[in-house]
PDB file of N, CA and C in Angstrom:
ATOM      1  N   MET A   1      -4.008  -0.542  -1.142  1.00  0.00           N
ATOM      2  CA  MET A   1      -3.564  -0.270   0.070  1.00  0.00           C
ATOM      3  C   MET A   1      -3.944  -1.462   1.082  1.00  0.00           C
ATOM      4  N   ALA A   2      -3.081  -1.941   1.898  1.00  0.00           N
ATOM      5  CA  ALA A   2      -3.273  -3.059   2.836  1.00  0.00           C
ATOM      6  C   ALA A   2      -2.855  -2.493   4.178  1.00  0.00           C
ATOM      7  N   SER A   3      -3.588  -2.952   5.171  1.00  0.00           N
ATOM      8  CA  SER A   3      -3.431  -2.547   6.579  1.00  0.00           C
ATOM      9  C   SER A   3      -3.543  -3.775   7.499  1.00  0.00           C
ATOM     10  N   THR A   4      -2.861  -3.928   8.540  1.00  0.00           N
ATOM     11  CA  THR A   4      -3.055  -4.988   9.534  1.00  0.00           C
ATOM     12  C   THR A   4      -4.292  -4.388  10.599  1.00  0.00           C
ATOM     13  N   ASP A   5      -4.752  -3.221  10.319  1.00  0.00           N
ATOM     14  CA  ASP A   5      -5.800  -2.724  11.144  1.00  0.00           C
ATOM     15  C   ASP A   5      -7.063  -3.377  10.712  1.00  0.00           C
ATOM     16  N   ASP A   6      -8.209  -3.332  11.655  1.00  0.00           N
ATOM     17  CA  ASP A   6      -9.386  -3.925  11.373  1.00  0.00           C
ATOM     18  C   ASP A   6     -10.167  -3.039  10.455  1.00  0.00           C
ATOM     19  N   ALA A   7     -11.208  -3.649   9.783  1.00  0.00           N
ATOM     20  CA  ALA A   7     -12.005  -2.968   8.806  1.00  0.00           C
ATOM     21  C   ALA A   7     -12.452  -1.636   9.090  1.00  0.00           C
ATOM     22  N   ASP A   8     -13.001  -1.603  10.458  1.00  0.00           N
ATOM     23  CA  ASP A   8     -13.503  -0.461  11.020  1.00  0.00           C
ATOM     24  C   ASP A   8     -12.647   0.800  11.066  1.00  0.00           C
ATOM     25  N   THR A   9     -11.386   0.499  11.430  1.00  0.00           N
ATOM     26  CA  THR A   9     -10.275   1.417  11.595  1.00  0.00           C
ATOM     27  C   THR A   9      -9.949   2.014  10.198  1.00  0.00           C
ATOM     28  N   ASN A  10      -9.928   0.921   9.211  1.00  0.00           N
ATOM     29  CA  ASN A  10      -9.544   1.467   7.887  1.00  0.00           C
ATOM     30  C   ASN A  10     -10.551   2.262   7.130  1.00  0.00           C
ATOM     31  N   ARG A  11     -11.989   1.780   7.477  1.00  0.00           N
ATOM     32  CA  ARG A  11     -13.101   2.802   6.937  1.00  0.00           C
ATOM     33  C   ARG A  11     -12.991   4.118   7.338  1.00  0.00           C
ATOM     34  N   LYS A  12     -12.756   4.350   8.658  1.00  0.00           N
ATOM     35  CA  LYS A  12     -12.596   5.662   9.339  1.00  0.00           C
ATOM     36  C   LYS A  12     -11.289   6.418   8.726  1.00  0.00           C
ATOM     37  N   PHE A  13     -10.238   5.774   8.471  1.00  0.00           N
ATOM     38  CA  PHE A  13      -8.941   6.370   7.895  1.00  0.00           C
ATOM     39  C   PHE A  13      -9.279   6.818   6.486  1.00  0.00           C
ATOM     40  N   ALA A  14     -10.007   5.943   5.709  1.00  0.00           N
ATOM     41  CA  ALA A  14     -10.521   6.104   4.423  1.00  0.00           C
ATOM     42  C   ALA A  14     -11.334   7.430   4.181  1.00  0.00           C
ATOM     43  N   ALA A  15     -12.251   7.479   5.171  1.00  0.00           N
ATOM     44  CA  ALA A  15     -13.044   8.704   5.117  1.00  0.00           C
ATOM     45  C   ALA A  15     -12.425   9.596   5.557  1.00  0.00           C
ATOM     46  N   GLU A  16     -11.665   9.753   6.670  1.00  0.00           N
ATOM     47  CA  GLU A  16     -10.880  11.042   7.149  1.00  0.00           C
ATOM     48  C   GLU A  16     -10.064  11.648   6.038  1.00  0.00           C
ATOM     49  N   HIS A  17      -9.390  10.688   5.124  1.00  0.00           N
ATOM     50  CA  HIS A  17      -8.499  11.147   4.096  1.00  0.00           C
ATOM     51  C   HIS A  17      -9.085  11.091   2.879  1.00  0.00           C
ATOM     52  N   ALA A  18     -10.423  10.985   2.665  1.00  0.00           N
ATOM     53  CA  ALA A  18     -11.120  10.991   1.422  1.00  0.00           C
ATOM     54  C   ALA A  18     -10.381   9.974   0.291  1.00  0.00           C
ATOM     55  N   ALA A  19      -9.980   8.895   0.743  1.00  0.00           N
ATOM     56  CA  ALA A  19      -9.510   8.029   0.107  1.00  0.00           C
ATOM     57  C   ALA A  19     -10.351   7.534  -1.157  1.00  0.00           C
ATOM     58  N   ASP A  20     -10.004   7.456  -2.292  1.00  0.00           N
ATOM     59  CA  ASP A  20     -10.861   6.952  -3.405  1.00  0.00           C
ATOM     60  C   ASP A  20     -10.257   5.691  -3.923  1.00  0.00           C
ATOM     61  N   PHE A  21      -9.837   4.811  -2.965  1.00  0.00           N
ATOM     62  CA  PHE A  21      -9.285   3.456  -3.384  1.00  0.00           C
ATOM     63  C   PHE A  21      -9.661   2.592  -2.256  1.00  0.00           C
ATOM     64  N   PRO A  22      -9.623   1.298  -2.481  1.00  0.00           N
ATOM     65  CA  PRO A  22     -10.131   0.296  -1.391  1.00  0.00           C
ATOM     66  C   PRO A  22      -8.817   0.173  -0.394  1.00  0.00           C
ATOM     67  N   ILE A  23      -9.049  -0.131   0.964  1.00  0.00           N
ATOM     68  CA  ILE A  23      -8.094  -0.594   1.716  1.00  0.00           C
ATOM     69  C   ILE A  23      -8.317  -1.971   2.361  1.00  0.00           C
ATOM     70  N   LEU A  24      -7.431  -2.929   1.906  1.00  0.00           N
ATOM     71  CA  LEU A  24      -7.516  -4.201   2.509  1.00  0.00           C
ATOM     72  C   LEU A  24      -7.350  -4.304   4.035  1.00  0.00           C
ATOM     73  N   SER A  25      -8.177  -4.924   4.673  1.00  0.00           N
ATOM     74  CA  SER A  25      -8.058  -5.238   6.190  1.00  0.00           C
ATOM     75  C   SER A  25      -7.453  -6.476   6.374  1.00  0.00           C
ATOM     76  N   ASP A  26      -6.215  -6.641   7.064  1.00  0.00           N
ATOM     77  CA  ASP A  26      -5.534  -7.779   7.020  1.00  0.00           C
ATOM     78  C   ASP A  26      -5.227  -8.030   8.698  1.00  0.00           C
ATOM     79  N   PRO A  27      -6.236  -8.012   9.541  1.00  0.00           N
ATOM     80  CA  PRO A  27      -5.895  -7.888  10.876  1.00  0.00           C
ATOM     81  C   PRO A  27      -5.086  -9.183  11.573  1.00  0.00           C
ATOM     82  N   ASP A  28      -5.261 -10.297  10.865  1.00  0.00           N
ATOM     83  CA  ASP A  28      -4.426 -11.545  11.378  1.00  0.00           C
ATOM     84  C   ASP A  28      -3.000 -11.505  10.658  1.00  0.00           C
ATOM     85  N   GLY A  29      -2.639 -10.585   9.778  1.00  0.00           N
ATOM     86  CA  GLY A  29      -1.524 -10.506   9.159  1.00  0.00           C
ATOM     87  C   GLY A  29      -1.067 -11.480   8.131  1.00  0.00           C
ATOM     88  N   GLN A  30      -1.947 -12.288   7.712  1.00  0.00           N
ATOM     89  CA  GLN A  30      -1.790 -13.306   6.627  1.00  0.00           C
ATOM     90  C   GLN A  30      -1.163 -12.693   5.148  1.00  0.00           C
ATOM     91  N   VAL A  31      -1.816 -11.609   4.839  1.00  0.00           N
ATOM     92  CA  VAL A  31      -1.483 -11.036   3.394  1.00  0.00           C
ATOM     93  C   VAL A  31      -0.041 -10.475   3.713  1.00  0.00           C
ATOM     94  N   ALA A  32       0.160  -9.756   4.953  1.00  0.00           N
ATOM     95  CA  ALA A  32       1.468  -9.095   5.073  1.00  0.00           C
ATOM     96  C   ALA A  32       2.559 -10.243   5.196  1.00  0.00           C
ATOM     97  N   GLN A  33       2.199 -11.447   5.787  1.00  0.00           N
ATOM     98  CA  GLN A  33       3.134 -12.440   5.812  1.00  0.00           C
ATOM     99  C   GLN A  33       3.363 -13.040   4.408  1.00  0.00           C
ATOM    100  N   ALA A  34       2.464 -13.229   3.673  1.00  0.00           N
ATOM    101  CA  ALA A  34       2.634 -13.704   2.196  1.00  0.00           C
ATOM    102  C   ALA A  34       3.392 -12.803   1.380  1.00  0.00           C
ATOM    103  N   TRP A  35       3.331 -11.513   1.592  1.00  0.00           N
ATOM    104  CA  TRP A  35       4.195 -10.602   0.811  1.00  0.00           C
ATOM    105  C   TRP A  35       5.491 -10.148   1.434  1.00  0.00           C
ATOM    106  N   GLY A  36       5.819 -10.756   2.528  1.00  0.00           N
ATOM    107  CA  GLY A  36       7.052 -10.617   3.041  1.00  0.00           C
ATOM    108  C   GLY A  36       7.354  -9.228   3.837  1.00  0.00           C
ATOM    109  N   VAL A  37       6.234  -8.559   4.124  1.00  0.00           N
ATOM    110  CA  VAL A  37       6.447  -7.387   4.639  1.00  0.00           C
ATOM    111  C   VAL A  37       5.816  -7.238   6.122  1.00  0.00           C
ATOM    112  N   ARG A  38       5.598  -8.550   6.794  1.00  0.00           N
ATOM    113  CA  ARG A  38       5.100  -8.548   8.227  1.00  0.00           C
ATOM    114  C   ARG A  38       6.248  -8.279   9.295  1.00  0.00           C
ATOM    115  N   ALA A  39       6.187  -7.401   9.969  1.00  0.00           N
ATOM    116  CA  ALA A  39       7.369  -7.246  10.984  1.00  0.00           C
ATOM    117  C   ALA A  39       7.041  -8.163  12.167  1.00  0.00           C
ATOM    118  N   ALA A  40       8.150  -8.232  13.079  1.00  0.00           N
ATOM    119  CA  ALA A  40       8.173  -9.209  14.175  1.00  0.00           C
ATOM    120  C   ALA A  40       7.020  -8.822  15.202  1.00  0.00           C
ATOM    121  N   ALA A  41       6.657  -7.440  15.218  1.00  0.00           N
ATOM    122  CA  ALA A  41       5.592  -7.139  16.085  1.00  0.00           C
ATOM    123  C   ALA A  41       4.293  -7.287  15.635  1.00  0.00           C
ATOM    124  N   GLY A  42       4.061  -7.829  14.326  1.00  0.00           N
ATOM    125  CA  GLY A  42       2.705  -8.179  13.706  1.00  0.00           C
ATOM    126  C   GLY A  42       2.222  -7.032  12.692  1.00  0.00           C
ATOM    127  N   TYR A  43       2.716  -6.023  12.771  1.00  0.00           N
ATOM    128  CA  TYR A  43       2.274  -4.825  11.727  1.00  0.00           C
ATOM    129  C   TYR A  43       2.969  -5.080  10.411  1.00  0.00           C
ATOM    130  N   ALA A  44       2.421  -4.447   9.208  1.00  0.00           N
ATOM    131  CA  ALA A  44       3.027  -4.600   8.097  1.00  0.00           C
ATOM    132  C   ALA A  44       3.831  -3.300   7.840  1.00  0.00           C
ATOM    133  N   GLN A  45       5.140  -3.683   7.368  1.00  0.00           N
ATOM    134  CA  GLN A  45       6.192  -2.650   7.055  1.00  0.00           C
ATOM    135  C   GLN A  45       5.572  -1.670   6.017  1.00  0.00           C
ATOM    136  N   ARG A  46       5.956  -0.496   5.784  1.00  0.00           N
ATOM    137  CA  ARG A  46       5.531   0.392   4.840  1.00  0.00           C
ATOM    138  C   ARG A  46       6.215   0.173   3.503  1.00  0.00           C
ATOM    139  N   TRP A  47       5.846  -0.736   2.643  1.00  0.00           N
ATOM    140  CA  TRP A  47       6.346  -0.872   1.378  1.00  0.00           C
ATOM    141  C   TRP A  47       5.423  -0.472   0.352  1.00  0.00           C
ATOM    142  N   THR A  48       5.827  -0.025  -0.770  1.00  0.00           N
ATOM    143  CA  THR A  48       4.895   0.170  -1.866  1.00  0.00           C
ATOM    144  C   THR A  48       5.284  -0.819  -2.933  1.00  0.00           C
ATOM    145  N   PHE A  49       4.241  -1.662  -3.481  1.00  0.00           N
ATOM    146  CA  PHE A  49       4.421  -2.515  -4.532  1.00  0.00           C
ATOM    147  C   PHE A  49       3.635  -1.895  -5.679  1.00  0.00           C
ATOM    148  N   TYR A  50       4.311  -1.864  -6.698  1.00  0.00           N
ATOM    149  CA  TYR A  50       3.840  -1.335  -8.058  1.00  0.00           C
ATOM    150  C   TYR A  50       3.516  -2.741  -8.933  1.00  0.00           C
ATOM    151  N   ILE A  51       2.178  -2.832  -9.126  1.00  0.00           N
ATOM    152  CA  ILE A  51       1.724  -4.044  -9.725  1.00  0.00           C
ATOM    153  C   ILE A  51       1.050  -3.618 -11.066  1.00  0.00           C
ATOM    154  N   GLY A  52       1.533  -4.287 -12.240  1.00  0.00           N
ATOM    155  CA  GLY A  52       1.117  -3.943 -13.589  1.00  0.00           C
ATOM    156  C   GLY A  52      -0.160  -4.631 -13.794  1.00  0.00           C
ATOM    157  N   SER A  53      -0.785  -4.129 -14.965  1.00  0.00           N
ATOM    158  CA  SER A  53      -2.255  -4.544 -15.201  1.00  0.00           C
ATOM    159  C   SER A  53      -2.236  -6.101 -15.395  1.00  0.00           C
ATOM    160  N   ASP A  54      -1.159  -6.749 -15.729  1.00  0.00           N
ATOM    161  CA  ASP A  54      -1.045  -8.151 -16.102  1.00  0.00           C
ATOM    162  C   ASP A  54      -0.909  -9.022 -14.815  1.00  0.00           C
ATOM    163  N   GLY A  55      -0.804  -8.208 -13.520  1.00  0.00           N
ATOM    164  CA  GLY A  55      -0.509  -8.823 -12.239  1.00  0.00           C
ATOM    165  C   GLY A  55       0.932  -9.128 -11.733  1.00  0.00           C
ATOM    166  N   ARG A  56       1.822  -8.640 -12.695  1.00  0.00           N
ATOM    167  CA  ARG A  56       3.269  -8.809 -12.383  1.00  0.00           C
ATOM    168  C   ARG A  56       3.699  -7.521 -11.527  1.00  0.00           C
ATOM    169  N   VAL A  57       4.704  -7.780 -10.467  1.00  0.00           N
ATOM    170  CA  VAL A  57       5.074  -6.879  -9.680  1.00  0.00           C
ATOM    171  C   VAL A  57       6.074  -6.097 -10.479  1.00  0.00           C
ATOM    172  N   LEU A  58       5.955  -4.891 -10.707  1.00  0.00           N
ATOM    173  CA  LEU A  58       6.813  -4.005 -11.568  1.00  0.00           C
ATOM    174  C   LEU A  58       7.951  -3.371 -10.815  1.00  0.00           C
ATOM    175  N   ASP A  59       7.783  -3.208  -9.608  1.00  0.00           N
ATOM    176  CA  ASP A  59       8.714  -2.418  -8.670  1.00  0.00           C
ATOM    177  C   ASP A  59       8.318  -2.596  -7.192  1.00  0.00           C
ATOM    178  N   ILE A  60       9.180  -2.447  -6.189  1.00  0.00           N
ATOM    179  CA  ILE A  60       9.001  -2.469  -4.789  1.00  0.00           C
ATOM    180  C   ILE A  60       9.764  -1.244  -4.285  1.00  0.00           C
ATOM    181  N   ASP A  61       9.153  -0.377  -3.625  1.00  0.00           N
ATOM    182  CA  ASP A  61       9.852   0.690  -2.807  1.00  0.00           C
ATOM    183  C   ASP A  61       9.821   0.240  -1.394  1.00  0.00           C
ATOM    184  N   LYS A  62      10.901   0.043  -0.881  1.00  0.00           N
ATOM    185  CA  LYS A  62      11.062  -0.366   0.576  1.00  0.00           C
ATOM    186  C   LYS A  62      11.477   0.700   1.517  1.00  0.00           C
ATOM    187  N   GLN A  63      11.646   1.821   0.882  1.00  0.00           N
ATOM    188  CA  GLN A  63      12.060   3.089   1.638  1.00  0.00           C
ATOM    189  C   GLN A  63      10.940   4.157   1.519  1.00  0.00           C
ATOM    190  N   VAL A  64       9.734   3.741   2.012  1.00  0.00           N
ATOM    191  CA  VAL A  64       8.784   4.706   1.828  1.00  0.00           C
ATOM    192  C   VAL A  64       8.648   5.721   3.163  1.00  0.00           C
ATOM    193  N   SER A  65       8.564   6.986   2.622  1.00  0.00           N
ATOM    194  CA  SER A  65       8.542   8.053   3.771  1.00  0.00           C
ATOM    195  C   SER A  65       7.084   8.587   3.695  1.00  0.00           C
ATOM    196  N   PRO A  66       6.520   8.488   4.878  1.00  0.00           N
ATOM    197  CA  PRO A  66       5.128   9.013   4.964  1.00  0.00           C
ATOM    198  C   PRO A  66       4.899  10.444   4.430  1.00  0.00           C
ATOM    199  N   LYS A  67       5.958  11.216   4.737  1.00  0.00           N
ATOM    200  CA  LYS A  67       5.818  12.772   4.376  1.00  0.00           C
ATOM    201  C   LYS A  67       5.865  12.934   2.853  1.00  0.00           C
ATOM    202  N   THR A  68       6.426  12.134   2.141  1.00  0.00           N
ATOM    203  CA  THR A  68       6.531  12.263   0.613  1.00  0.00           C
ATOM    204  C   THR A  68       5.981  11.029  -0.154  1.00  0.00           C
ATOM    205  N   ALA A  69       5.409  10.112   0.451  1.00  0.00           N
ATOM    206  CA  ALA A  69       4.778   8.963  -0.217  1.00  0.00           C
ATOM    207  C   ALA A  69       3.867   9.251  -1.398  1.00  0.00           C
ATOM    208  N   GLY A  70       2.955  10.208  -1.269  1.00  0.00           N
ATOM    209  CA  GLY A  70       2.019  10.538  -2.311  1.00  0.00           C
ATOM    210  C   GLY A  70       2.858  11.039  -3.500  1.00  0.00           C
ATOM    211  N   ALA A  71       3.672  12.046  -3.274  1.00  0.00           N
ATOM    212  CA  ALA A  71       4.575  12.491  -4.486  1.00  0.00           C
ATOM    213  C   ALA A  71       5.471  11.595  -4.974  1.00  0.00           C
ATOM    214  N   ASP A  72       5.993  10.735  -4.206  1.00  0.00           N
ATOM    215  CA  ASP A  72       6.953   9.739  -4.658  1.00  0.00           C
ATOM    216  C   ASP A  72       6.159   8.650  -5.417  1.00  0.00           C
ATOM    217  N   LEU A  73       5.021   8.323  -4.918  1.00  0.00           N
ATOM    218  CA  LEU A  73       4.162   7.264  -5.793  1.00  0.00           C
ATOM    219  C   LEU A  73       3.664   7.778  -7.080  1.00  0.00           C
ATOM    220  N   ALA A  74       3.429   9.018  -7.187  1.00  0.00           N
ATOM    221  CA  ALA A  74       2.837   9.649  -8.507  1.00  0.00           C
ATOM    222  C   ALA A  74       4.004   9.690  -9.378  1.00  0.00           C
ATOM    223  N   ALA A  75       5.217   9.987  -8.938  1.00  0.00           N
ATOM    224  CA  ALA A  75       6.486  10.190  -9.693  1.00  0.00           C
ATOM    225  C   ALA A  75       6.833   8.835 -10.304  1.00  0.00           C
ATOM    226  N   ARG A  76       6.895   7.723  -9.457  1.00  0.00           N
ATOM    227  CA  ARG A  76       7.102   6.529  -9.923  1.00  0.00           C
ATOM    228  C   ARG A  76       6.232   5.838 -10.844  1.00  0.00           C
ATOM    229  N   LEU A  77       5.009   6.122 -10.732  1.00  0.00           N
ATOM    230  CA  LEU A  77       3.979   5.668 -11.720  1.00  0.00           C
ATOM    231  C   LEU A  77       4.099   6.366 -13.044  1.00  0.00           C
ATOM    232  N   ALA A  78       4.475   7.487 -13.045  1.00  0.00           N
ATOM    233  CA  ALA A  78       4.814   8.251 -14.293  1.00  0.00           C
ATOM    234  C   ALA A  78       6.115   7.544 -14.991  1.00  0.00           C
ATOM    235  N   GLN A  79       6.967   7.357 -14.201  1.00  0.00           N
ATOM    236  CA  GLN A  79       8.266   6.640 -14.697  1.00  0.00           C
ATOM    237  C   GLN A  79       8.080   5.269 -15.172  1.00  0.00           C
ATOM    238  N   LEU A  80       7.063   4.509 -14.705  1.00  0.00           N
ATOM    239  CA  LEU A  80       6.737   3.256 -15.147  1.00  0.00           C
ATOM    240  C   LEU A  80       5.636   3.342 -16.325  1.00  0.00           C
ATOM    241  N   GLY A  81       5.279   4.493 -16.698  1.00  0.00           N
ATOM    242  CA  GLY A  81       4.326   4.645 -17.925  1.00  0.00           C
ATOM    243  C   GLY A  81       3.009   4.432 -17.508  1.00  0.00           C
ATOM    244  N   VAL A  82       2.708   4.537 -16.324  1.00  0.00           N
ATOM    245  CA  VAL A  82       1.129   4.279 -15.958  1.00  0.00           C
ATOM    246  C   VAL A  82       0.393   5.602 -16.274  1.00  0.00           C
ATOM    247  N   GLU A  83      -0.572   5.694 -16.876  1.00  0.00           N
ATOM    248  CA  GLU A  83      -1.413   6.744 -17.326  1.00  0.00           C
ATOM    249  C   GLU A  83      -2.271   7.220 -16.171  1.00  0.00           C
ATOM    250  N   ARG A  84      -2.386   8.649 -16.039  1.00  0.00           N
ATOM    251  CA  ARG A  84      -3.219   9.236 -15.076  1.00  0.00           C
ATOM    252  C   ARG A  84      -4.688   9.079 -15.505  1.00  0.00           C
ATOM    253  N   ARG A  85      -5.341   9.006 -14.350  1.00  0.00           N
ATOM    254  CA  ARG A  85      -6.959   8.781 -14.692  1.00  0.00           C
ATOM    255  C   ARG A  85      -7.512  10.286 -14.449  1.00  0.00           C
TER     256      ARG A  85
END
């Protein structure tokens, strides 16, 4: 996960939601710009990139819904054949 929020904000978010994965802090938007998701206002658009173990992008979801993102992500990972841990 990447966010244009600062590291402290991301740590608080991760703790609040018991996230068991790292959140990249990109406050200057360089990563968002490099991946083509930086909006004109400076924040990152909500896209999901599915990246294989070989580093290749397998799929991109540009229509992420915060309400269903978790279930959508799990379903797409299953479709891509990614094993559950």
